[in-house]
Amino acid sequence: MNEELYKKIANSSAYRASRDENANEILSNPHLFCDLVAIALNTSDAHHFKACWIMEIVLEQQLFLLTGFLNTFCDQLPHYNNESALRSISKICLFISQHLALSPQQEEQITESSLDWLIDEKRKVATKAYAIRTLFELGKTRKWIYPELKRILTDDYGKYSAGYQAVAKEIVKKIK
């Protein structure tokens, strides 16, 4: 573990400039990505959510960095509870569903986690919105997802904010 990187992550903040600075450090030194992933996937680490924020920015630019860690990433999905981490993790799942070839097991793990996040009433809207979009992407090849997704979105439409409703309306329209 690179101690300097760990300290930078531990001392980072939610401000975009702080997250970008750390992401640029990883992008400039890709060998550090392994350490970033180790922190982000260790949900018992007090700073894992900060590593997730940084990992999201890195992977938005260079998703291929995750390919060697994809099995571990998918295995870890059910263990996330921190809402700050979940927002980033659910967004990474969207990137993955749009751009990477997945094994059937990886697809199942992402599908199951996304459904769990979507139906959990305690989850924040941003996590739910990324889960909805991820399920829409996965539903292009897993036909059983669309009817289930449509049912959930229709049933839950009035329970959540205007942001949730906008995403739900958009996806239900695409499913038809």
N, C-alpha and C. Protein backbone atom coordinates (compact mmCIF):
# COMPACT_ATOMS: atom_id res chain seq x y z
N MET A 1 0.85 -1.19 0.00
CA MET A 1 0.00 0.00 0.00
C MET A 1 0.89 1.24 0.00
N ASN A 2 0.60 2.13 -0.93
CA ASN A 2 1.33 3.39 -1.00
C ASN A 2 0.81 4.32 0.09
N GLU A 3 1.62 4.55 1.11
CA GLU A 3 1.20 5.35 2.27
C GLU A 3 0.89 6.79 1.90
N GLU A 4 1.65 7.34 0.97
CA GLU A 4 1.41 8.73 0.55
C GLU A 4 0.04 8.85 -0.11
N LEU A 5 -0.29 7.89 -0.97
CA LEU A 5 -1.61 7.89 -1.61
C LEU A 5 -2.70 7.74 -0.55
N TYR A 6 -2.49 6.84 0.38
CA TYR A 6 -3.50 6.62 1.43
C TYR A 6 -3.74 7.91 2.20
N LYS A 7 -2.69 8.62 2.56
CA LYS A 7 -2.83 9.88 3.30
C LYS A 7 -3.58 10.92 2.46
N LYS A 8 -3.28 10.98 1.17
CA LYS A 8 -3.98 11.93 0.29
C LYS A 8 -5.48 11.61 0.24
N ILE A 9 -5.80 10.34 0.14
CA ILE A 9 -7.21 9.94 0.11
C ILE A 9 -7.87 10.25 1.45
N ALA A 10 -7.21 9.91 2.53
CA ALA A 10 -7.76 10.16 3.87
C ALA A 10 -8.00 11.64 4.12
N ASN A 11 -7.15 12.48 3.57
CA ASN A 11 -7.26 13.92 3.79
C ASN A 11 -8.08 14.63 2.71
N SER A 12 -8.59 13.89 1.76
CA SER A 12 -9.37 14.51 0.68
C SER A 12 -10.76 14.89 1.19
N SER A 13 -11.43 15.69 0.39
CA SER A 13 -12.78 16.13 0.74
C SER A 13 -13.72 15.88 -0.43
N ALA A 14 -14.98 16.17 -0.20
CA ALA A 14 -15.99 15.97 -1.24
C ALA A 14 -15.91 17.04 -2.33
N TYR A 15 -15.14 18.09 -2.10
CA TYR A 15 -15.02 19.14 -3.13
C TYR A 15 -14.46 18.54 -4.41
N ARG A 16 -15.01 18.97 -5.52
CA ARG A 16 -14.60 18.41 -6.81
C ARG A 16 -13.11 18.61 -7.05
N ALA A 17 -12.56 19.76 -6.67
CA ALA A 17 -11.13 20.01 -6.88
C ALA A 17 -10.28 18.98 -6.15
N SER A 18 -10.67 18.62 -4.95
CA SER A 18 -9.94 17.62 -4.17
C SER A 18 -10.02 16.25 -4.85
N ARG A 19 -11.22 15.88 -5.28
CA ARG A 19 -11.39 14.58 -5.95
C ARG A 19 -10.63 14.55 -7.27
N ASP A 20 -10.68 15.64 -8.02
CA ASP A 20 -9.96 15.72 -9.30
C ASP A 20 -8.45 15.63 -9.11
N GLU A 21 -7.96 16.29 -8.09
CA GLU A 21 -6.51 16.26 -7.82
C GLU A 21 -6.05 14.82 -7.57
N ASN A 22 -6.79 14.11 -6.76
CA ASN A 22 -6.43 12.72 -6.47
C ASN A 22 -6.61 11.83 -7.70
N ALA A 23 -7.67 12.06 -8.46
CA ALA A 23 -7.89 11.27 -9.68
C ALA A 23 -6.76 11.51 -10.68
N ASN A 24 -6.34 12.76 -10.81
CA ASN A 24 -5.25 13.07 -11.74
C ASN A 24 -3.94 12.41 -11.30
N GLU A 25 -3.74 12.29 -10.00
CA GLU A 25 -2.57 11.57 -9.48
C GLU A 25 -2.59 10.11 -9.95
N ILE A 26 -3.75 9.49 -9.89
CA ILE A 26 -3.88 8.09 -10.34
C ILE A 26 -3.72 8.00 -11.84
N LEU A 27 -4.36 8.90 -12.57
CA LEU A 27 -4.27 8.87 -14.03
C LEU A 27 -2.84 9.10 -14.51
N SER A 28 -2.08 9.90 -13.77
CA SER A 28 -0.68 10.15 -14.13
C SER A 28 0.23 9.00 -13.69
N ASN A 29 -0.23 8.22 -12.72
CA ASN A 29 0.55 7.10 -12.18
C ASN A 29 -0.35 5.88 -12.08
N PRO A 30 -0.67 5.26 -13.23
CA PRO A 30 -1.63 4.15 -13.23
C PRO A 30 -1.27 2.98 -12.31
N HIS A 31 0.01 2.84 -11.96
CA HIS A 31 0.41 1.77 -11.05
C HIS A 31 -0.22 1.95 -9.66
N LEU A 32 -0.69 3.15 -9.35
CA LEU A 32 -1.34 3.42 -8.06
C LEU A 32 -2.81 2.97 -8.04
N PHE A 33 -3.35 2.64 -9.22
CA PHE A 33 -4.76 2.25 -9.28
C PHE A 33 -5.04 1.03 -8.40
N CYS A 34 -4.13 0.11 -8.36
CA CYS A 34 -4.29 -1.10 -7.53
C CYS A 34 -4.52 -0.72 -6.07
N ASP A 35 -3.76 0.24 -5.57
CA ASP A 35 -3.93 0.69 -4.18
C ASP A 35 -5.26 1.41 -4.00
N LEU A 36 -5.65 2.21 -4.97
CA LEU A 36 -6.94 2.90 -4.90
C LEU A 36 -8.07 1.89 -4.82
N VAL A 37 -8.03 0.87 -5.66
CA VAL A 37 -9.05 -0.17 -5.66
C VAL A 37 -9.07 -0.90 -4.32
N ALA A 38 -7.90 -1.18 -3.78
CA ALA A 38 -7.82 -1.88 -2.49
C ALA A 38 -8.53 -1.09 -1.39
N ILE A 39 -8.37 0.21 -1.40
CA ILE A 39 -9.03 1.05 -0.39
C ILE A 39 -10.54 1.12 -0.67
N ALA A 40 -10.90 1.35 -1.92
CA ALA A 40 -12.31 1.50 -2.29
C ALA A 40 -13.11 0.23 -2.02
N LEU A 41 -12.52 -0.92 -2.22
CA LEU A 41 -13.24 -2.18 -2.05
C LEU A 41 -13.25 -2.68 -0.61
N ASN A 42 -12.47 -2.05 0.24
CA ASN A 42 -12.42 -2.45 1.64
C ASN A 42 -13.44 -1.62 2.42
N THR A 43 -14.65 -2.09 2.50
CA THR A 43 -15.73 -1.32 3.12
C THR A 43 -15.53 -1.12 4.62
N SER A 44 -14.60 -1.82 5.22
CA SER A 44 -14.32 -1.59 6.64
C SER A 44 -13.30 -0.47 6.84
N ASP A 45 -12.70 -0.01 5.77
CA ASP A 45 -11.78 1.13 5.86
C ASP A 45 -12.59 2.41 6.00
N ALA A 46 -12.25 3.22 6.95
CA ALA A 46 -13.01 4.45 7.22
C ALA A 46 -13.00 5.42 6.04
N HIS A 47 -12.06 5.27 5.14
CA HIS A 47 -11.94 6.20 4.01
C HIS A 47 -12.33 5.58 2.67
N HIS A 48 -12.94 4.38 2.71
CA HIS A 48 -13.27 3.70 1.45
C HIS A 48 -14.18 4.55 0.56
N PHE A 49 -15.09 5.30 1.15
CA PHE A 49 -16.02 6.10 0.34
C PHE A 49 -15.28 7.20 -0.41
N LYS A 50 -14.23 7.74 0.18
CA LYS A 50 -13.44 8.76 -0.52
C LYS A 50 -12.70 8.13 -1.71
N ALA A 51 -12.20 6.93 -1.51
CA ALA A 51 -11.55 6.21 -2.60
C ALA A 51 -12.54 5.91 -3.72
N CYS A 52 -13.79 5.62 -3.34
CA CYS A 52 -14.83 5.38 -4.35
C CYS A 52 -15.09 6.63 -5.18
N TRP A 53 -15.11 7.79 -4.54
CA TRP A 53 -15.30 9.05 -5.27
C TRP A 53 -14.22 9.22 -6.33
N ILE A 54 -12.98 8.96 -5.91
CA ILE A 54 -11.83 9.14 -6.80
C ILE A 54 -11.86 8.09 -7.90
N MET A 55 -12.16 6.86 -7.53
CA MET A 55 -12.22 5.77 -8.51
C MET A 55 -13.26 6.07 -9.59
N GLU A 56 -14.39 6.64 -9.20
CA GLU A 56 -15.43 7.01 -10.18
C GLU A 56 -14.86 7.94 -11.25
N ILE A 57 -14.14 8.96 -10.83
CA ILE A 57 -13.58 9.94 -11.77
C ILE A 57 -12.53 9.30 -12.66
N VAL A 58 -11.68 8.47 -12.07
CA VAL A 58 -10.65 7.77 -12.84
C VAL A 58 -11.29 6.87 -13.90
N LEU A 59 -12.28 6.09 -13.48
CA LEU A 59 -12.90 5.12 -14.39
C LEU A 59 -13.77 5.78 -15.44
N GLU A 60 -14.27 6.96 -15.17
CA GLU A 60 -15.03 7.69 -16.19
C GLU A 60 -14.12 8.01 -17.38
N GLN A 61 -12.83 8.15 -17.10
CA GLN A 61 -11.87 8.48 -18.16
C GLN A 61 -11.15 7.24 -18.70
N GLN A 62 -10.88 6.26 -17.81
CA GLN A 62 -10.11 5.09 -18.23
C GLN A 62 -10.70 3.82 -17.60
N LEU A 63 -11.86 3.44 -18.07
CA LEU A 63 -12.59 2.31 -17.51
C LEU A 63 -11.80 1.00 -17.61
N PHE A 64 -10.97 0.89 -18.62
CA PHE A 64 -10.20 -0.34 -18.83
C PHE A 64 -9.32 -0.67 -17.62
N LEU A 65 -8.98 0.31 -16.79
CA LEU A 65 -8.17 0.04 -15.60
C LEU A 65 -8.84 -0.95 -14.66
N LEU A 66 -10.16 -1.03 -14.72
CA LEU A 66 -10.91 -1.91 -13.82
C LEU A 66 -10.94 -3.36 -14.28
N THR A 67 -10.61 -3.64 -15.51
CA THR A 67 -10.81 -4.98 -16.06
C THR A 67 -10.13 -6.07 -15.23
N GLY A 68 -8.95 -5.85 -14.73
CA GLY A 68 -8.26 -6.85 -13.92
C GLY A 68 -8.86 -7.04 -12.53
N PHE A 69 -9.73 -6.12 -12.15
CA PHE A 69 -10.33 -6.14 -10.81
C PHE A 69 -11.84 -6.38 -10.86
N LEU A 70 -12.35 -6.67 -12.04
CA LEU A 70 -13.81 -6.71 -12.24
C LEU A 70 -14.48 -7.79 -11.38
N ASN A 71 -13.89 -8.96 -11.30
CA ASN A 71 -14.50 -10.01 -10.47
C ASN A 71 -14.56 -9.59 -9.01
N THR A 72 -13.48 -9.04 -8.50
CA THR A 72 -13.44 -8.59 -7.11
C THR A 72 -14.42 -7.45 -6.88
N PHE A 73 -14.48 -6.53 -7.82
CA PHE A 73 -15.42 -5.41 -7.73
C PHE A 73 -16.86 -5.95 -7.63
N CYS A 74 -17.22 -6.84 -8.51
CA CYS A 74 -18.59 -7.40 -8.52
C CYS A 74 -18.87 -8.20 -7.25
N ASP A 75 -17.88 -8.95 -6.77
CA ASP A 75 -18.06 -9.71 -5.54
C ASP A 75 -18.32 -8.80 -4.34
N GLN A 76 -17.76 -7.62 -4.37
CA GLN A 76 -17.85 -6.70 -3.24
C GLN A 76 -19.16 -5.87 -3.25
N LEU A 77 -19.87 -5.82 -4.34
CA LEU A 77 -21.06 -4.95 -4.46
C LEU A 77 -22.06 -5.08 -3.31
N PRO A 78 -22.42 -6.28 -2.86
CA PRO A 78 -23.42 -6.38 -1.79
C PRO A 78 -22.96 -5.83 -0.43
N HIS A 79 -21.67 -5.57 -0.29
CA HIS A 79 -21.13 -5.15 1.00
C HIS A 79 -21.14 -3.64 1.21
N TYR A 80 -21.50 -2.88 0.20
CA TYR A 80 -21.52 -1.42 0.34
C TYR A 80 -22.79 -0.97 1.03
N ASN A 81 -22.63 -0.13 2.05
CA ASN A 81 -23.76 0.47 2.75
C ASN A 81 -23.65 1.98 2.85
N ASN A 82 -22.43 2.49 2.79
CA ASN A 82 -22.22 3.92 2.90
C ASN A 82 -22.79 4.61 1.67
N GLU A 83 -23.72 5.52 1.88
CA GLU A 83 -24.41 6.16 0.75
C GLU A 83 -23.46 6.95 -0.14
N SER A 84 -22.43 7.56 0.44
CA SER A 84 -21.45 8.28 -0.37
C SER A 84 -20.69 7.34 -1.30
N ALA A 85 -20.38 6.16 -0.79
CA ALA A 85 -19.70 5.16 -1.63
C ALA A 85 -20.66 4.61 -2.67
N LEU A 86 -21.89 4.33 -2.26
CA LEU A 86 -22.87 3.71 -3.16
C LEU A 86 -23.17 4.57 -4.39
N ARG A 87 -23.22 5.87 -4.21
CA ARG A 87 -23.48 6.75 -5.35
C ARG A 87 -22.40 6.51 -6.42
N SER A 88 -21.15 6.52 -6.00
CA SER A 88 -20.05 6.30 -6.95
C SER A 88 -20.03 4.88 -7.49
N ILE A 89 -20.26 3.91 -6.63
CA ILE A 89 -20.24 2.50 -7.05
C ILE A 89 -21.36 2.24 -8.06
N SER A 90 -22.54 2.80 -7.81
CA SER A 90 -23.66 2.60 -8.75
C SER A 90 -23.37 3.28 -10.09
N LYS A 91 -22.67 4.40 -10.06
CA LYS A 91 -22.30 5.07 -11.31
C LYS A 91 -21.26 4.25 -12.07
N ILE A 92 -20.32 3.66 -11.34
CA ILE A 92 -19.33 2.78 -11.97
C ILE A 92 -20.02 1.58 -12.60
N CYS A 93 -21.02 1.05 -11.93
CA CYS A 93 -21.79 -0.07 -12.51
C CYS A 93 -22.44 0.35 -13.83
N LEU A 94 -22.90 1.59 -13.90
CA LEU A 94 -23.46 2.08 -15.16
C LEU A 94 -22.39 2.11 -16.24
N PHE A 95 -21.20 2.65 -15.92
CA PHE A 95 -20.11 2.67 -16.90
C PHE A 95 -19.81 1.25 -17.39
N ILE A 96 -19.73 0.33 -16.45
CA ILE A 96 -19.42 -1.07 -16.78
C ILE A 96 -20.48 -1.65 -17.71
N SER A 97 -21.75 -1.42 -17.37
CA SER A 97 -22.84 -2.00 -18.18
C SER A 97 -22.87 -1.42 -19.58
N GLN A 98 -22.36 -0.22 -19.74
CA GLN A 98 -22.36 0.42 -21.06
C GLN A 98 -21.16 0.05 -21.92
N HIS A 99 -20.03 -0.27 -21.28
CA HIS A 99 -18.78 -0.34 -22.05
C HIS A 99 -17.95 -1.61 -21.92
N LEU A 100 -18.24 -2.46 -20.95
CA LEU A 100 -17.41 -3.65 -20.78
C LEU A 100 -18.20 -4.92 -21.06
N ALA A 101 -17.51 -5.91 -21.58
CA ALA A 101 -18.11 -7.23 -21.75
C ALA A 101 -18.06 -7.92 -20.40
N LEU A 102 -19.19 -8.44 -19.98
CA LEU A 102 -19.31 -9.06 -18.67
C LEU A 102 -19.55 -10.56 -18.79
N SER A 103 -19.06 -11.28 -17.81
CA SER A 103 -19.40 -12.70 -17.74
C SER A 103 -20.84 -12.80 -17.24
N PRO A 104 -21.50 -13.93 -17.44
CA PRO A 104 -22.86 -14.09 -16.91
C PRO A 104 -22.92 -13.84 -15.39
N GLN A 105 -21.91 -14.29 -14.66
CA GLN A 105 -21.90 -14.08 -13.21
C GLN A 105 -21.78 -12.60 -12.87
N GLN A 106 -20.91 -11.88 -13.58
CA GLN A 106 -20.75 -10.44 -13.33
C GLN A 106 -22.05 -9.70 -13.64
N GLU A 107 -22.69 -10.07 -14.75
CA GLU A 107 -23.98 -9.45 -15.10
C GLU A 107 -24.99 -9.70 -14.00
N GLU A 108 -25.02 -10.92 -13.50
CA GLU A 108 -25.97 -11.27 -12.44
C GLU A 108 -25.69 -10.47 -11.17
N GLN A 109 -24.42 -10.34 -10.81
CA GLN A 109 -24.06 -9.61 -9.60
C GLN A 109 -24.44 -8.13 -9.71
N ILE A 110 -24.18 -7.53 -10.84
CA ILE A 110 -24.51 -6.12 -11.03
C ILE A 110 -26.03 -5.95 -11.08
N THR A 111 -26.71 -6.86 -11.76
CA THR A 111 -28.17 -6.80 -11.84
C THR A 111 -28.78 -6.91 -10.44
N GLU A 112 -28.34 -7.89 -9.69
CA GLU A 112 -28.89 -8.12 -8.35
C GLU A 112 -28.64 -6.92 -7.43
N SER A 113 -27.43 -6.39 -7.46
CA SER A 113 -27.12 -5.23 -6.61
C SER A 113 -27.93 -4.01 -7.04
N SER A 114 -28.05 -3.79 -8.34
CA SER A 114 -28.82 -2.64 -8.83
C SER A 114 -30.28 -2.76 -8.43
N LEU A 115 -30.83 -3.95 -8.53
CA LEU A 115 -32.22 -4.15 -8.08
C LEU A 115 -32.36 -3.91 -6.58
N ASP A 116 -31.40 -4.40 -5.82
CA ASP A 116 -31.44 -4.18 -4.37
C ASP A 116 -31.41 -2.69 -4.04
N TRP A 117 -30.54 -1.95 -4.70
CA TRP A 117 -30.45 -0.50 -4.45
C TRP A 117 -31.73 0.20 -4.86
N LEU A 118 -32.32 -0.26 -5.95
CA LEU A 118 -33.53 0.37 -6.46
C LEU A 118 -34.72 0.16 -5.52
N ILE A 119 -34.86 -1.03 -4.98
CA ILE A 119 -36.04 -1.30 -4.15
C ILE A 119 -35.85 -0.93 -2.68
N ASP A 120 -34.63 -0.67 -2.27
CA ASP A 120 -34.36 -0.28 -0.87
C ASP A 120 -34.82 1.17 -0.66
N GLU A 121 -35.85 1.34 0.12
CA GLU A 121 -36.44 2.67 0.33
C GLU A 121 -35.49 3.63 1.03
N LYS A 122 -34.46 3.12 1.69
CA LYS A 122 -33.50 3.97 2.40
C LYS A 122 -32.44 4.55 1.47
N ARG A 123 -32.31 4.01 0.29
CA ARG A 123 -31.28 4.47 -0.64
C ARG A 123 -31.63 5.84 -1.20
N LYS A 124 -30.60 6.63 -1.42
CA LYS A 124 -30.79 7.98 -1.96
C LYS A 124 -31.09 7.90 -3.45
N VAL A 125 -31.69 8.98 -3.95
CA VAL A 125 -32.16 9.03 -5.33
C VAL A 125 -31.02 8.88 -6.33
N ALA A 126 -29.85 9.45 -6.07
CA ALA A 126 -28.75 9.35 -7.04
C ALA A 126 -28.36 7.89 -7.26
N THR A 127 -28.26 7.13 -6.18
CA THR A 127 -27.94 5.71 -6.29
C THR A 127 -29.03 4.99 -7.07
N LYS A 128 -30.28 5.29 -6.77
CA LYS A 128 -31.40 4.67 -7.48
C LYS A 128 -31.38 5.02 -8.97
N ALA A 129 -31.08 6.29 -9.28
CA ALA A 129 -31.08 6.72 -10.68
C ALA A 129 -30.02 5.97 -11.49
N TYR A 130 -28.82 5.82 -10.92
CA TYR A 130 -27.79 5.05 -11.62
C TYR A 130 -28.18 3.58 -11.73
N ALA A 131 -28.82 3.05 -10.69
CA ALA A 131 -29.28 1.66 -10.73
C ALA A 131 -30.31 1.47 -11.85
N ILE A 132 -31.23 2.42 -11.98
CA ILE A 132 -32.24 2.36 -13.04
C ILE A 132 -31.58 2.31 -14.41
N ARG A 133 -30.64 3.22 -14.63
CA ARG A 133 -29.96 3.29 -15.93
C ARG A 133 -29.12 2.03 -16.19
N THR A 134 -28.49 1.51 -15.15
CA THR A 134 -27.73 0.26 -15.28
C THR A 134 -28.64 -0.89 -15.66
N LEU A 135 -29.77 -1.00 -14.98
CA LEU A 135 -30.72 -2.07 -15.29
C LEU A 135 -31.26 -1.93 -16.71
N PHE A 136 -31.47 -0.70 -17.16
CA PHE A 136 -31.91 -0.50 -18.53
C PHE A 136 -30.87 -1.05 -19.51
N GLU A 137 -29.59 -0.74 -19.25
CA GLU A 137 -28.52 -1.24 -20.12
C GLU A 137 -28.46 -2.77 -20.10
N LEU A 138 -28.52 -3.35 -18.92
CA LEU A 138 -28.45 -4.82 -18.81
C LEU A 138 -29.69 -5.49 -19.39
N GLY A 139 -30.81 -4.78 -19.37
CA GLY A 139 -32.05 -5.30 -19.93
C GLY A 139 -32.04 -5.46 -21.43
N LYS A 140 -31.07 -4.85 -22.08
CA LYS A 140 -30.96 -4.99 -23.54
C LYS A 140 -30.64 -6.43 -23.92
N THR A 141 -29.99 -7.17 -23.02
CA THR A 141 -29.67 -8.57 -23.30
C THR A 141 -30.39 -9.54 -22.37
N ARG A 142 -30.84 -9.05 -21.25
CA ARG A 142 -31.58 -9.88 -20.29
C ARG A 142 -33.03 -9.40 -20.31
N LYS A 143 -33.80 -10.00 -21.15
CA LYS A 143 -35.16 -9.51 -21.44
C LYS A 143 -36.09 -9.51 -20.23
N TRP A 144 -35.85 -10.33 -19.23
CA TRP A 144 -36.71 -10.38 -18.05
C TRP A 144 -36.61 -9.09 -17.22
N ILE A 145 -35.53 -8.33 -17.41
CA ILE A 145 -35.31 -7.13 -16.59
C ILE A 145 -36.35 -6.05 -16.90
N TYR A 146 -36.66 -5.83 -18.17
CA TYR A 146 -37.55 -4.72 -18.53
C TYR A 146 -38.93 -4.80 -17.87
N PRO A 147 -39.61 -5.92 -17.92
CA PRO A 147 -40.92 -5.96 -17.26
C PRO A 147 -40.82 -5.70 -15.75
N GLU A 148 -39.81 -6.25 -15.13
CA GLU A 148 -39.61 -6.06 -13.69
C GLU A 148 -39.27 -4.60 -13.39
N LEU A 149 -38.37 -4.03 -14.18
CA LEU A 149 -37.97 -2.64 -13.99
C LEU A 149 -39.16 -1.71 -14.19
N LYS A 150 -39.93 -1.95 -15.22
CA LYS A 150 -41.11 -1.12 -15.49
C LYS A 150 -42.10 -1.19 -14.32
N ARG A 151 -42.32 -2.40 -13.79
CA ARG A 151 -43.24 -2.56 -12.66
C ARG A 151 -42.76 -1.77 -11.45
N ILE A 152 -41.47 -1.89 -11.13
CA ILE A 152 -40.92 -1.19 -9.97
C ILE A 152 -41.04 0.32 -10.16
N LEU A 153 -40.67 0.80 -11.32
CA LEU A 153 -40.71 2.25 -11.58
C LEU A 153 -42.13 2.79 -11.53
N THR A 154 -43.06 2.04 -12.05
CA THR A 154 -44.47 2.46 -12.02
C THR A 154 -45.01 2.46 -10.60
N ASP A 155 -44.70 1.40 -9.86
CA ASP A 155 -45.19 1.30 -8.47
C ASP A 155 -44.59 2.35 -7.56
N ASP A 156 -43.32 2.68 -7.77
CA ASP A 156 -42.61 3.59 -6.86
C ASP A 156 -42.58 5.04 -7.34
N TYR A 157 -43.18 5.31 -8.46
CA TYR A 157 -43.09 6.64 -9.08
C TYR A 157 -43.39 7.78 -8.11
N GLY A 158 -44.46 7.68 -7.37
CA GLY A 158 -44.86 8.77 -6.49
C GLY A 158 -44.13 8.84 -5.16
N LYS A 159 -43.29 7.86 -4.86
CA LYS A 159 -42.61 7.80 -3.57
C LYS A 159 -41.39 8.70 -3.46
N TYR A 160 -40.83 9.08 -4.59
CA TYR A 160 -39.53 9.75 -4.57
C TYR A 160 -39.59 11.11 -5.25
N SER A 161 -38.45 11.77 -5.26
CA SER A 161 -38.33 13.16 -5.72
C SER A 161 -38.57 13.30 -7.23
N ALA A 162 -38.61 14.56 -7.62
CA ALA A 162 -38.78 14.88 -9.05
C ALA A 162 -37.63 14.31 -9.88
N GLY A 163 -36.42 14.27 -9.31
CA GLY A 163 -35.28 13.69 -10.02
C GLY A 163 -35.48 12.22 -10.33
N TYR A 164 -35.96 11.47 -9.35
CA TYR A 164 -36.27 10.06 -9.54
C TYR A 164 -37.36 9.91 -10.59
N GLN A 165 -38.39 10.73 -10.46
CA GLN A 165 -39.52 10.63 -11.39
C GLN A 165 -39.10 10.92 -12.82
N ALA A 166 -38.18 11.86 -13.01
CA ALA A 166 -37.71 12.18 -14.36
C ALA A 166 -36.97 10.99 -14.99
N VAL A 167 -36.09 10.37 -14.20
CA VAL A 167 -35.37 9.20 -14.71
C VAL A 167 -36.33 8.05 -14.96
N ALA A 168 -37.25 7.82 -14.02
CA ALA A 168 -38.22 6.73 -14.17
C ALA A 168 -39.06 6.93 -15.43
N LYS A 169 -39.53 8.14 -15.64
CA LYS A 169 -40.36 8.44 -16.82
C LYS A 169 -39.58 8.21 -18.11
N GLU A 170 -38.33 8.67 -18.13
CA GLU A 170 -37.48 8.50 -19.31
C GLU A 170 -37.26 7.02 -19.63
N ILE A 171 -36.96 6.23 -18.62
CA ILE A 171 -36.64 4.82 -18.84
C ILE A 171 -37.91 4.04 -19.19
N VAL A 172 -39.02 4.31 -18.53
CA VAL A 172 -40.28 3.62 -18.87
C VAL A 172 -40.64 3.90 -20.33
N LYS A 173 -40.42 5.12 -20.77
CA LYS A 173 -40.71 5.49 -22.16
C LYS A 173 -39.80 4.71 -23.12
N LYS A 174 -38.53 4.52 -22.76
CA LYS A 174 -37.60 3.77 -23.61
C LYS A 174 -37.94 2.29 -23.66
N ILE A 175 -38.46 1.77 -22.56
CA ILE A 175 -38.79 0.35 -22.49
C ILE A 175 -39.97 0.01 -23.41
N LYS A 176 -40.93 0.92 -23.54
CA LYS A 176 -42.14 0.64 -24.33
C LYS A 176 -41.85 0.39 -25.75
